[in-house]
Protein backbone atom coordinates (compact mmCIF):
# COMPACT_ATOMS: atom_id res chain seq x y z
CA UNK A 1 31.39 24.71 -44.02
CA UNK A 2 30.05 22.29 -41.41
CA UNK A 3 32.93 20.81 -39.44
CA UNK A 4 31.32 17.37 -39.48
CA UNK A 5 31.28 17.03 -43.26
CA UNK A 6 33.11 13.86 -44.47
CA UNK A 7 36.42 14.69 -46.10
CA UNK A 8 35.58 13.85 -49.72
CA UNK A 9 32.19 15.55 -49.56
CA UNK A 10 33.64 18.54 -47.75
CA UNK A 11 36.08 19.13 -50.59
CA UNK A 12 33.28 18.92 -53.13
CA UNK A 13 31.04 21.28 -51.18
CA UNK A 14 33.86 23.77 -50.77
CA UNK A 15 34.02 24.02 -54.56
CA UNK A 16 30.26 24.52 -54.89
CA UNK A 17 27.20 22.33 -55.27
CA UNK A 18 27.77 21.84 -59.00
CA UNK A 19 30.76 19.64 -58.22
CA UNK A 20 28.34 17.05 -56.90
CA UNK A 21 26.31 17.07 -60.09
CA UNK A 22 28.29 14.66 -62.24
CA UNK A 23 30.41 14.90 -65.38
CA UNK A 24 29.98 17.90 -67.69
CA UNK A 25 27.59 17.67 -70.60
CA UNK A 26 28.93 15.42 -73.32
CA UNK A 27 31.48 13.71 -71.08
CA UNK A 28 29.65 10.40 -71.27
CA UNK A 29 30.05 10.34 -75.05
CA UNK A 30 33.76 9.51 -74.76
CA UNK A 31 33.32 6.67 -72.27
CA UNK A 32 32.13 3.20 -73.23
CA UNK A 33 28.93 1.91 -71.67
CA UNK A 34 29.31 -0.75 -68.97
CA UNK A 35 25.64 -1.77 -68.76
CA UNK A 36 25.69 -5.54 -68.24
CA UNK A 37 22.87 -6.44 -70.65
CA UNK A 38 21.39 -3.61 -72.75
CA UNK A 39 18.49 -5.90 -73.73
CA UNK A 40 17.24 -5.67 -70.13
CA UNK A 41 17.95 -1.99 -69.66
CA UNK A 42 15.54 0.81 -70.54
CA UNK A 43 15.55 4.60 -70.18
CA UNK A 44 12.81 7.17 -70.56
CA UNK A 45 12.02 10.73 -69.50
CA UNK A 46 9.45 11.74 -66.89
CA UNK A 47 8.07 15.18 -66.19
CA UNK A 48 8.05 15.92 -62.45
CA UNK A 49 5.36 18.61 -62.09
CA UNK A 50 5.98 19.63 -58.47
CA UNK A 51 9.70 19.93 -59.13
CA UNK A 52 9.01 21.60 -62.49
CA UNK A 53 11.68 19.49 -64.15
CA UNK A 54 12.18 16.51 -66.44
CA UNK A 55 14.34 13.63 -65.28
CA UNK A 56 15.75 10.52 -66.93
CA UNK A 57 14.63 7.23 -65.39
CA UNK A 58 16.85 4.16 -65.89
CA UNK A 59 15.32 0.71 -65.44
CA UNK A 60 16.99 -2.67 -64.99
CA UNK A 61 14.84 -5.73 -65.67
CA UNK A 62 15.78 -9.10 -64.15
CA UNK A 63 16.75 -12.18 -66.15
CA UNK A 64 13.66 -13.95 -67.45
CA UNK A 65 11.43 -10.88 -67.24
CA UNK A 66 10.40 -10.94 -70.91
CA UNK A 67 9.49 -14.63 -70.84
CA UNK A 68 7.51 -14.70 -67.61
CA UNK A 69 4.29 -12.85 -68.38
CA UNK A 70 2.62 -13.79 -65.12
CA UNK A 71 5.53 -12.82 -62.88
CA UNK A 72 5.56 -9.72 -60.73
CA UNK A 73 8.71 -8.38 -59.10
CA UNK A 74 9.76 -6.32 -56.08
CA UNK A 75 11.17 -2.91 -56.97
CA UNK A 76 14.32 -1.08 -55.89
CA UNK A 77 14.19 2.71 -56.32
CA UNK A 78 17.63 4.36 -56.36
CA UNK A 79 18.52 8.04 -56.20
CA UNK A 80 21.40 9.53 -58.26
CA UNK A 81 20.53 7.28 -61.18
CA UNK A 82 23.51 8.24 -63.33
CA UNK A 83 25.81 6.35 -60.97
CA UNK A 84 23.98 3.03 -60.66
CA UNK A 85 24.47 1.01 -63.84
CA UNK A 86 26.89 2.64 -66.24
CA UNK A 87 30.39 4.10 -65.91
CA UNK A 88 29.67 6.18 -69.03
CA UNK A 89 27.11 8.30 -67.15
CA UNK A 90 28.62 8.21 -63.66
CA UNK A 91 30.38 10.95 -61.74
CA UNK A 92 33.12 8.90 -60.06
CA UNK A 93 32.42 5.28 -60.94
CA UNK A 94 29.26 3.19 -60.90
CA UNK A 95 27.63 0.97 -58.30
CA UNK A 96 27.55 -2.01 -60.71
CA UNK A 97 24.00 -2.55 -59.53
CA UNK A 98 23.03 -4.51 -62.64
CA UNK A 99 25.97 -6.91 -62.28
CA UNK A 100 25.19 -7.34 -58.56
CA UNK A 101 21.52 -8.05 -59.23
CA UNK A 102 22.38 -10.55 -61.97
CA UNK A 103 24.77 -12.32 -59.57
CA UNK A 104 22.13 -12.49 -56.82
CA UNK A 105 19.68 -13.93 -59.32
CA UNK A 106 22.14 -16.65 -60.37
CA UNK A 107 23.20 -17.49 -56.82
CA UNK A 108 19.92 -17.18 -54.92
CA UNK A 109 17.11 -16.68 -57.41
CA UNK A 110 16.54 -13.10 -56.21
CA UNK A 111 14.84 -11.07 -58.94
CA UNK A 112 14.21 -7.33 -58.73
CA UNK A 113 13.23 -4.52 -61.02
CA UNK A 114 15.65 -1.67 -60.29
CA UNK A 115 14.67 1.92 -61.05
CA UNK A 116 17.24 4.72 -60.92
CA UNK A 117 16.10 8.35 -61.04
CA UNK A 118 18.69 10.81 -62.29
CA UNK A 119 19.72 13.71 -60.09
CA UNK A 120 19.37 17.31 -61.23
CA UNK A 121 22.98 18.19 -61.95
CA UNK A 122 23.79 21.52 -60.36
CA UNK A 123 20.45 21.41 -58.53
CA UNK A 124 21.17 18.02 -56.99
CA UNK A 125 21.72 19.11 -53.40
CA UNK A 126 18.62 21.31 -53.32
CA UNK A 127 16.44 18.62 -54.92
CA UNK A 128 17.52 15.99 -52.42
CA UNK A 129 17.15 18.34 -49.43
CA UNK A 130 13.98 17.80 -47.45
CA UNK A 131 15.65 19.51 -44.49
CA UNK A 132 17.01 23.05 -44.74
CA UNK A 133 20.65 24.05 -44.87
CA UNK A 134 21.10 27.83 -45.42
CA UNK A 135 24.13 27.31 -47.62
CA UNK A 136 22.11 25.25 -50.10
CA UNK A 137 18.75 27.00 -49.92
CA UNK A 138 16.14 26.66 -51.12
CA UNK A 139 15.44 23.07 -50.17
CA UNK A 140 13.32 21.47 -52.90
CA UNK A 141 13.22 17.94 -51.56
CA UNK A 142 9.56 18.12 -50.59
CA UNK A 143 8.65 18.64 -54.25
CA UNK A 144 10.93 15.83 -55.38
CA UNK A 145 9.53 13.46 -52.76
CA UNK A 146 5.97 14.28 -53.76
CA UNK A 147 6.81 13.54 -57.41
CA UNK A 148 8.58 10.33 -56.45
CA UNK A 149 5.43 9.03 -54.74
CA UNK A 150 2.77 10.53 -57.02
CA UNK A 151 4.48 10.39 -60.44
CA UNK A 152 7.54 8.10 -60.62
CA UNK A 153 6.16 5.14 -58.66
CA UNK A 154 2.79 5.07 -60.49
CA UNK A 155 4.56 5.37 -63.86
CA UNK A 156 6.76 2.38 -63.07
CA UNK A 157 3.78 0.37 -61.84
CA UNK A 158 1.85 1.13 -65.03
CA UNK A 159 4.75 0.25 -67.30
CA UNK A 160 6.21 -2.85 -65.62
CA UNK A 161 5.00 -5.95 -63.78
CA UNK A 162 5.73 -4.85 -60.25
CA UNK A 163 4.67 -5.83 -56.78
CA UNK A 164 3.12 -2.67 -55.44
CA UNK A 165 2.97 -3.33 -51.70
CA UNK A 166 5.32 -1.48 -49.38
CA UNK A 167 7.07 -4.68 -48.25
CA UNK A 168 8.15 -5.24 -51.87
CA UNK A 169 9.36 -1.67 -52.41
CA UNK A 170 12.82 -0.40 -51.43
CA UNK A 171 14.16 3.16 -51.54
CA UNK A 172 17.96 3.46 -51.67
CA UNK A 173 20.54 6.22 -51.77
CA UNK A 174 23.97 7.37 -50.70
CA UNK A 175 25.19 10.60 -49.17
CA UNK A 176 22.49 13.22 -49.91
CA UNK A 177 20.53 10.48 -51.65
CA UNK A 178 20.46 8.57 -48.36
CA UNK A 179 18.77 11.55 -46.73
CA UNK A 180 16.05 11.48 -49.38
CA UNK A 181 15.72 7.71 -48.91
CA UNK A 182 15.30 8.28 -45.17
CA UNK A 183 12.60 10.89 -45.75
CA UNK A 184 10.74 8.61 -48.15
CA UNK A 185 10.91 5.65 -45.78
CA UNK A 186 9.74 7.55 -42.69
CA UNK A 187 7.23 9.90 -44.30
CA UNK A 188 5.70 7.43 -46.75
CA UNK A 189 5.64 4.01 -45.07
CA UNK A 190 2.58 3.14 -47.15
CA UNK A 191 4.82 3.26 -50.26
CA UNK A 192 8.27 2.20 -49.05
CA UNK A 193 8.75 -0.70 -46.66
CA UNK A 194 12.49 -1.14 -47.16
CA UNK A 195 15.41 1.30 -47.08
CA UNK A 196 19.12 1.27 -47.95
CA UNK A 197 21.01 4.23 -46.50
CA UNK A 198 24.70 4.33 -47.47
CA UNK A 199 26.95 7.02 -45.97
CA UNK A 200 24.09 9.37 -45.04
CA UNK A 201 25.06 13.06 -44.84
CA UNK A 202 23.55 13.52 -41.39
CA UNK A 203 25.72 16.59 -40.78
CA UNK A 204 23.52 18.48 -43.26
CA UNK A 205 20.88 19.78 -40.83
CA UNK A 206 20.07 19.44 -37.11
CA UNK A 207 16.41 19.08 -38.12
CA UNK A 208 17.18 15.55 -39.35
CA UNK A 209 17.96 14.33 -35.84
CA UNK A 210 14.90 16.12 -34.45
CA UNK A 211 12.58 14.42 -36.91
CA UNK A 212 14.24 11.02 -36.43
CA UNK A 213 13.57 11.27 -32.69
CA UNK A 214 9.89 11.96 -33.38
CA UNK A 215 9.09 9.78 -36.38
CA UNK A 216 9.57 6.04 -35.84
CA UNK A 217 9.87 3.21 -38.29
CA UNK A 218 6.62 1.35 -38.79
CA UNK A 219 6.00 -2.36 -38.10
CA UNK A 220 7.33 -4.42 -40.97
CA UNK A 221 9.82 -1.84 -42.22
CA UNK A 222 13.45 -2.92 -42.64
CA UNK A 223 16.32 -0.44 -42.90
CA UNK A 224 19.99 -1.10 -43.67
CA UNK A 225 22.46 1.64 -42.72
CA UNK A 226 26.10 1.48 -43.82
CA UNK A 227 28.93 3.87 -43.08
CA UNK A 228 32.63 3.41 -43.75
CA UNK A 229 35.44 3.74 -41.26
CA UNK A 230 37.44 5.84 -43.77
CA UNK A 231 34.79 8.52 -44.45
CA UNK A 232 36.34 11.04 -42.09
CA UNK A 233 34.91 13.58 -39.69
CA UNK A 234 32.31 12.36 -37.22
CA UNK A 235 30.33 10.37 -39.77
CA UNK A 236 30.48 7.18 -37.71
CA UNK A 237 29.47 8.93 -34.50
CA UNK A 238 26.59 10.65 -36.31
CA UNK A 239 25.44 7.31 -37.69
CA UNK A 240 25.58 5.58 -34.32
CA UNK A 241 23.53 8.36 -32.76
CA UNK A 242 20.92 8.29 -35.52
CA UNK A 243 20.53 4.52 -35.40
CA UNK A 244 20.12 4.67 -31.62
CA UNK A 245 17.30 7.19 -32.02
CA UNK A 246 15.46 4.77 -34.28
CA UNK A 247 16.19 1.74 -32.13
CA UNK A 248 14.85 3.53 -29.07
CA UNK A 249 11.41 3.65 -30.70
CA UNK A 250 11.63 0.53 -32.87
CA UNK A 251 8.23 -1.19 -33.02
CA UNK A 252 7.75 -4.92 -33.03
CA UNK A 253 8.19 -6.29 -36.54
CA UNK A 254 10.58 -3.56 -37.69
CA UNK A 255 14.32 -4.09 -38.08
CA UNK A 256 17.51 -2.04 -38.46
CA UNK A 257 20.88 -3.37 -39.55
CA UNK A 258 23.83 -1.05 -38.90
CA UNK A 259 27.17 -1.79 -40.55
CA UNK A 260 30.41 0.11 -40.03
CA UNK A 261 32.44 -1.16 -42.96
CA UNK A 262 36.21 -1.31 -42.33
CA UNK A 263 38.17 0.77 -44.84
CA UNK A 264 35.14 1.99 -46.77
CA UNK A 265 35.09 5.63 -47.84
CA UNK A 266 32.57 8.09 -49.24
CA UNK A 267 32.83 6.60 -52.72
CA UNK A 268 30.79 4.77 -55.32
CA UNK A 269 33.24 1.86 -55.06
CA UNK A 270 32.44 1.47 -51.35
CA UNK A 271 28.71 1.60 -52.01
CA UNK A 272 29.01 -0.92 -54.82
CA UNK A 273 30.88 -3.29 -52.48
CA UNK A 274 28.19 -2.90 -49.79
CA UNK A 275 25.23 -3.52 -52.08
CA UNK A 276 25.15 -7.36 -52.24
CA UNK A 277 25.05 -7.88 -48.47
CA UNK A 278 22.55 -5.08 -48.04
CA UNK A 279 20.15 -6.57 -50.57
CA UNK A 280 20.48 -10.00 -49.01
CA UNK A 281 19.67 -8.59 -45.57
CA UNK A 282 16.57 -6.83 -46.89
CA UNK A 283 15.34 -10.15 -48.27
CA UNK A 284 15.69 -11.91 -44.93
CA UNK A 285 16.54 -15.57 -45.33
CA UNK A 286 16.83 -15.41 -49.13
CA UNK A 287 20.62 -15.74 -49.28
CA UNK A 288 22.03 -18.96 -47.93
CA UNK A 289 25.77 -18.22 -48.05
CA UNK A 290 25.77 -15.98 -44.99
CA UNK A 291 26.08 -12.82 -47.07
CA UNK A 292 23.85 -10.41 -45.20
CA UNK A 293 21.10 -12.98 -44.69
């Protein structure tokens, strides 16, 4: 096992990749749903041809969406969709993303469509791996990323009233999901102009650092990186080094915010707590209470 693996993730990896998949089949049936407003929450299945899999897509619609036929909305794409909105489908708690988005709408008028793509259970690590790690071969992240750009995003744009420009499109993830978000942001700047990277698993492959040193953010892109001081290992040092690589080649008009959150661990609760400030920072100047703006 890599020595740099954060403590909680190291334990999970030592038990096998399936531990990271989520609750066993049927577990959600015994837990009540915590979706804030089911009337503004939709799910459907999408076939991902490159990945040769079908995945559930979960969609949050902002307050007022149904009544504003001429409105178009920026979109947040989240990885590990089971954990975003509902404790009944989550592995170890939810991000409460729907409650957070509702609160930002009430406080600041921020309105987003949020799209959460489910992970592949026991195949999660491989599907989110663009970079190779021999222990979790084969990496299938290239196929997932291709489907994200060529299948998921067009399906959302056809079904909902979205803003389609890169500046209105955010890719977000935590842990392995943050690595996929990084790959999407850097490899597809024409599609994703904003990124949220929470507790990235940068220990996973040395190729990540190599690519980050070669592939810069593009003008106009904004990236928010958060790590917790209680994640263990060298996660903070890895994050500082990665952010410095990007800052060294940061073009005019691009921005990086790096937050080392006191007491935060490698947990859904920590990522849920970080989400409001991160979203405010991405929408520069939109929040007036000092929360990430």
